[in-house]
Amino acid sequence: MTKELIYDNPLNCERALEGFVLEGSAVMTFPQGRLRLENRLDPSLKQKANYVLWCPQEFPSDIAVEWDFWPVRQPGLAILFFAARGKNGEDLFDPSLQPRTGEYPLYHHGDINAFHISYFRRKEPDERAFHTCNLRKSYGFYMAAQGGDPIPDVGEAVGPYHLEVIKRGTEVGFSVNGLEVLHYHDDGETFGPLLGGGKIGFRQLAPMIGEYANLKVFWINEK
């Protein structure tokens, strides 16, 4: 098995976001030379204040996704979507698909399939008291795997925290700073058919502020 770098984006300036697609409303700045995401709309609007930022690149099925993450303000929640496509195999941005505006149900009970990992969950009181990372598979809202979140609260966080998602065949894994947090074997039946390639995207829940850098995607070649 080998890994081949197929996408490399430092996320360090506006030019780095050329072609990216924002669903919902957000403020995107680079005060530390890395992408800072925060809500533009008031958190009292709840789901309407949340958003997803999609990378425009289409990726193959077997990949490793790496990025650096800094939590800046909580409460809130951070998510990575991957293997995202229309339920019938359409490109994620196919105009035949239902418009998406950052509201969560559109992503797990809309007309797309995807995996998503919520890896910094500090929104509800129980999430702030007991930290977990959750892997879900959609269509549907299936909890595929769960593990402890080693990233500290904002007051104790230093960063960067190096995150990695590996999707290889029937296996999905997630690690933080090299520590495996969760692993999932997809049998292709329990929570629906196996997911193939697709797009990746960052999601945040207001009023969280998070920063991102050094997004890299590797193709995993089994030969």
Protein backbone atom coordinates (compact mmCIF):
# COMPACT_ATOMS: atom_id res chain seq x y z
CA MET A 1 0.00 0.00 0.00
CA THR A 2 1.23 3.49 -0.85
CA LYS A 3 -0.13 7.01 -0.30
CA GLU A 4 0.05 9.55 -3.11
CA LEU A 5 -0.55 13.25 -2.42
CA ILE A 6 -3.34 14.44 -4.73
CA TYR A 7 -4.43 17.69 -3.06
CA ASP A 8 -2.46 20.21 -1.00
CA ASN A 9 -3.95 23.49 0.20
CA PRO A 10 -2.37 25.59 2.98
CA LEU A 11 -5.69 27.46 3.56
CA ASN A 12 -3.61 30.55 4.27
CA CYS A 13 -5.24 33.30 2.18
CA GLU A 14 -8.31 34.17 0.13
CA ARG A 15 -6.74 32.75 -3.02
CA ALA A 16 -6.57 29.34 -1.34
CA LEU A 17 -10.39 29.30 -1.23
CA GLU A 18 -10.91 29.86 -4.95
CA GLY A 19 -13.66 27.50 -6.11
CA PHE A 20 -14.77 26.62 -2.57
CA VAL A 21 -18.54 26.62 -2.05
CA LEU A 22 -20.09 28.10 1.09
CA GLU A 23 -23.57 26.91 2.05
CA GLY A 24 -25.06 29.22 4.65
CA SER A 25 -23.49 32.43 5.87
CA ALA A 26 -20.02 32.70 7.44
CA VAL A 27 -17.12 35.07 7.96
CA MET A 28 -13.85 33.75 6.51
CA THR A 29 -10.63 35.54 7.49
CA PHE A 30 -6.92 34.75 7.86
CA PRO A 31 -5.68 36.67 10.94
CA GLN A 32 -2.99 34.08 11.77
CA GLY A 33 -2.20 33.07 8.19
CA ARG A 34 -4.73 30.25 8.41
CA LEU A 35 -8.44 30.01 7.66
CA ARG A 36 -10.67 31.28 10.45
CA LEU A 37 -14.37 30.38 10.25
CA GLU A 38 -17.08 32.03 12.30
CA ASN A 39 -20.79 32.59 11.96
CA ARG A 40 -22.10 35.73 10.30
CA LEU A 41 -25.67 35.28 11.56
CA ASP A 42 -26.82 35.49 15.18
CA PRO A 43 -26.72 32.13 17.02
CA SER A 44 -30.29 32.74 18.16
CA LEU A 45 -31.30 31.72 14.63
CA LYS A 46 -30.08 28.23 15.55
CA GLN A 47 -29.66 26.00 12.46
CA LYS A 48 -29.95 28.98 10.13
CA ALA A 49 -26.75 30.39 11.66
CA ASN A 50 -24.70 27.29 10.77
CA TYR A 51 -22.83 26.62 7.55
CA VAL A 52 -20.72 24.22 5.47
CA LEU A 53 -17.66 25.12 3.39
CA TRP A 54 -17.00 22.61 0.60
CA CYS A 55 -13.73 21.93 -1.16
CA PRO A 56 -14.51 21.84 -4.90
CA GLN A 57 -12.26 18.86 -5.64
CA GLU A 58 -13.77 15.44 -6.32
CA PHE A 59 -11.84 12.72 -4.50
CA PRO A 60 -11.61 8.95 -5.06
CA SER A 61 -12.99 6.38 -2.66
CA ASP A 62 -9.78 5.37 -0.86
CA ILE A 63 -8.21 8.44 0.68
CA ALA A 64 -6.51 9.91 3.73
CA VAL A 65 -7.55 13.47 4.63
CA GLU A 66 -5.27 15.51 6.90
CA TRP A 67 -5.61 19.02 8.30
CA ASP A 68 -4.56 21.17 11.25
CA PHE A 69 -7.20 22.55 13.61
CA TRP A 70 -7.26 25.21 16.34
CA PRO A 71 -10.39 25.73 18.47
CA VAL A 72 -10.68 29.47 19.17
CA ARG A 73 -14.11 29.99 20.70
CA GLN A 74 -16.76 27.74 22.15
CA PRO A 75 -19.53 26.65 22.56
CA GLY A 76 -20.06 25.14 19.15
CA LEU A 77 -19.20 22.11 17.09
CA ALA A 78 -16.88 21.23 14.21
CA ILE A 79 -17.52 18.56 11.57
CA LEU A 80 -15.79 17.14 8.51
CA PHE A 81 -17.97 15.72 5.73
CA PHE A 82 -16.39 13.27 3.29
CA ALA A 83 -17.46 10.90 0.49
CA ALA A 84 -20.31 13.33 -0.18
CA ARG A 85 -22.37 12.84 -3.35
CA GLY A 86 -26.01 12.84 -4.42
CA LYS A 87 -28.01 9.78 -3.38
CA ASN A 88 -28.10 8.61 -7.00
CA GLY A 89 -24.41 9.27 -7.60
CA GLU A 90 -24.77 12.89 -8.73
CA ASP A 91 -22.00 15.40 -8.21
CA LEU A 92 -22.60 17.22 -4.94
CA PHE A 93 -23.23 20.48 -6.80
CA ASP A 94 -25.54 19.04 -9.44
CA PRO A 95 -28.35 21.59 -9.95
CA SER A 96 -30.94 18.82 -9.73
CA LEU A 97 -30.19 18.38 -6.02
CA GLN A 98 -32.11 20.22 -3.32
CA PRO A 99 -30.44 23.55 -2.41
CA ARG A 100 -28.53 23.36 0.89
CA THR A 101 -28.27 26.30 3.26
CA GLY A 102 -26.22 24.96 6.18
CA GLU A 103 -29.19 23.60 8.13
CA TYR A 104 -28.27 20.15 9.43
CA PRO A 105 -31.27 18.05 8.25
CA LEU A 106 -30.43 18.90 4.64
CA TYR A 107 -27.18 16.96 5.05
CA HIS A 108 -28.40 13.81 6.79
CA HIS A 109 -31.99 13.57 5.56
CA GLY A 110 -31.76 15.49 2.31
CA ASP A 111 -30.79 14.02 -1.05
CA ILE A 112 -27.08 13.37 -0.46
CA ASN A 113 -25.02 10.53 0.96
CA ALA A 114 -21.96 11.20 3.10
CA PHE A 115 -19.92 10.30 6.13
CA HIS A 116 -19.32 12.99 8.71
CA ILE A 117 -17.20 13.16 11.83
CA SER A 118 -18.02 15.64 14.58
CA TYR A 119 -14.68 16.05 16.31
CA PHE A 120 -15.00 19.10 18.57
CA ARG A 121 -18.42 18.89 20.20
CA ARG A 122 -18.99 21.68 22.72
CA LYS A 123 -22.53 22.77 21.84
CA GLU A 124 -24.99 21.25 24.32
CA PRO A 125 -24.28 21.02 28.09
CA ASP A 126 -23.83 17.23 27.96
CA GLU A 127 -21.31 17.60 25.11
CA ARG A 128 -19.30 20.13 27.10
CA ALA A 129 -19.25 17.81 30.10
CA PHE A 130 -18.38 14.59 28.27
CA HIS A 131 -16.33 14.94 25.10
CA THR A 132 -16.75 12.47 22.23
CA CYS A 133 -16.10 12.28 18.50
CA ASN A 134 -18.98 10.84 16.48
CA LEU A 135 -18.87 9.22 13.04
CA ARG A 136 -22.23 9.22 11.27
CA LYS A 137 -23.32 7.82 7.93
CA SER A 138 -26.05 9.31 5.78
CA TYR A 139 -28.57 9.20 4.15
CA GLY A 140 -29.99 8.74 7.58
CA PHE A 141 -28.46 9.78 10.86
CA TYR A 142 -26.71 6.54 11.71
CA MET A 143 -24.17 6.55 14.51
CA ALA A 144 -21.47 4.37 12.98
CA ALA A 145 -18.73 4.79 15.61
CA GLN A 146 -17.84 6.88 18.63
CA GLY A 147 -14.66 7.62 20.56
CA GLY A 148 -13.27 9.95 23.21
CA ASP A 149 -12.23 13.43 22.09
CA PRO A 150 -8.66 14.24 23.22
CA ILE A 151 -8.80 17.92 22.16
CA PRO A 152 -9.08 20.14 25.27
CA ASP A 153 -11.52 23.00 25.72
CA VAL A 154 -10.57 26.34 24.24
CA GLY A 155 -9.17 27.63 27.53
CA GLU A 156 -6.59 24.83 27.62
CA ALA A 157 -6.06 24.29 23.89
CA VAL A 158 -2.74 25.14 22.30
CA GLY A 159 -2.76 23.51 18.88
CA PRO A 160 -2.36 22.86 16.15
CA TYR A 161 -4.15 19.54 16.47
CA HIS A 162 -3.33 17.36 13.50
CA LEU A 163 -6.41 15.45 12.38
CA GLU A 164 -6.59 12.55 9.94
CA VAL A 165 -9.49 10.65 8.41
CA ILE A 166 -8.71 7.44 6.52
CA LYS A 167 -11.34 5.88 4.28
CA ARG A 168 -10.06 2.66 2.74
CA GLY A 169 -12.29 -0.05 1.33
CA THR A 170 -14.73 -0.98 4.07
CA GLU A 171 -12.76 0.78 6.83
CA VAL A 172 -12.97 4.31 8.22
CA GLY A 173 -10.62 5.63 10.88
CA PHE A 174 -10.04 8.95 12.64
CA SER A 175 -7.03 10.11 14.64
CA VAL A 176 -5.86 13.22 16.50
CA ASN A 177 -2.11 13.87 16.69
CA GLY A 178 -1.54 10.26 15.67
CA LEU A 179 -3.82 8.81 18.36
CA GLU A 180 -6.59 6.66 16.87
CA VAL A 181 -9.90 7.91 18.25
CA LEU A 182 -12.37 5.69 16.42
CA HIS A 183 -12.60 2.98 13.78
CA TYR A 184 -15.54 1.68 11.77
CA HIS A 185 -16.01 -1.40 9.60
CA ASP A 186 -18.77 -0.81 7.06
CA ASP A 187 -20.52 -4.01 6.04
CA GLY A 188 -22.41 -2.20 3.27
CA GLU A 189 -25.75 -3.34 4.63
CA THR A 190 -26.50 -2.19 8.19
CA PHE A 191 -26.44 1.54 7.41
CA GLY A 192 -26.84 1.34 3.65
CA PRO A 193 -24.49 0.60 0.74
CA LEU A 194 -20.79 1.38 0.82
CA LEU A 195 -19.95 4.97 -0.05
CA GLY A 196 -17.41 5.68 -2.77
CA GLY A 197 -15.67 8.88 -3.73
CA GLY A 198 -16.99 12.40 -3.37
CA LYS A 199 -16.32 15.78 -1.84
CA ILE A 200 -15.16 16.98 1.58
CA GLY A 201 -16.39 19.96 3.56
CA PHE A 202 -15.99 21.74 6.90
CA ARG A 203 -19.04 22.51 9.02
CA GLN A 204 -19.31 24.66 12.15
CA LEU A 205 -22.14 25.40 14.56
CA ALA A 206 -22.52 28.94 15.84
CA PRO A 207 -21.07 30.61 17.83
CA MET A 208 -17.91 28.55 17.50
CA ILE A 209 -14.77 29.99 15.94
CA GLY A 210 -12.25 27.54 14.53
CA GLU A 211 -9.09 27.81 12.47
CA TYR A 212 -7.83 25.43 9.78
CA ALA A 213 -4.60 24.96 7.82
CA ASN A 214 -2.59 22.50 5.74
CA LEU A 215 -5.41 20.53 4.15
CA LYS A 216 -3.92 17.52 2.36
CA VAL A 217 -5.60 14.57 0.66
CA PHE A 218 -3.74 11.38 -0.25
CA TRP A 219 -4.93 8.65 -2.56
CA ILE A 220 -4.42 5.23 -1.00
CA ASN A 221 -3.11 2.87 -3.65
CA GLU A 222 -3.36 -0.79 -2.72
CA LYS A 223 -0.78 -1.89 -5.33
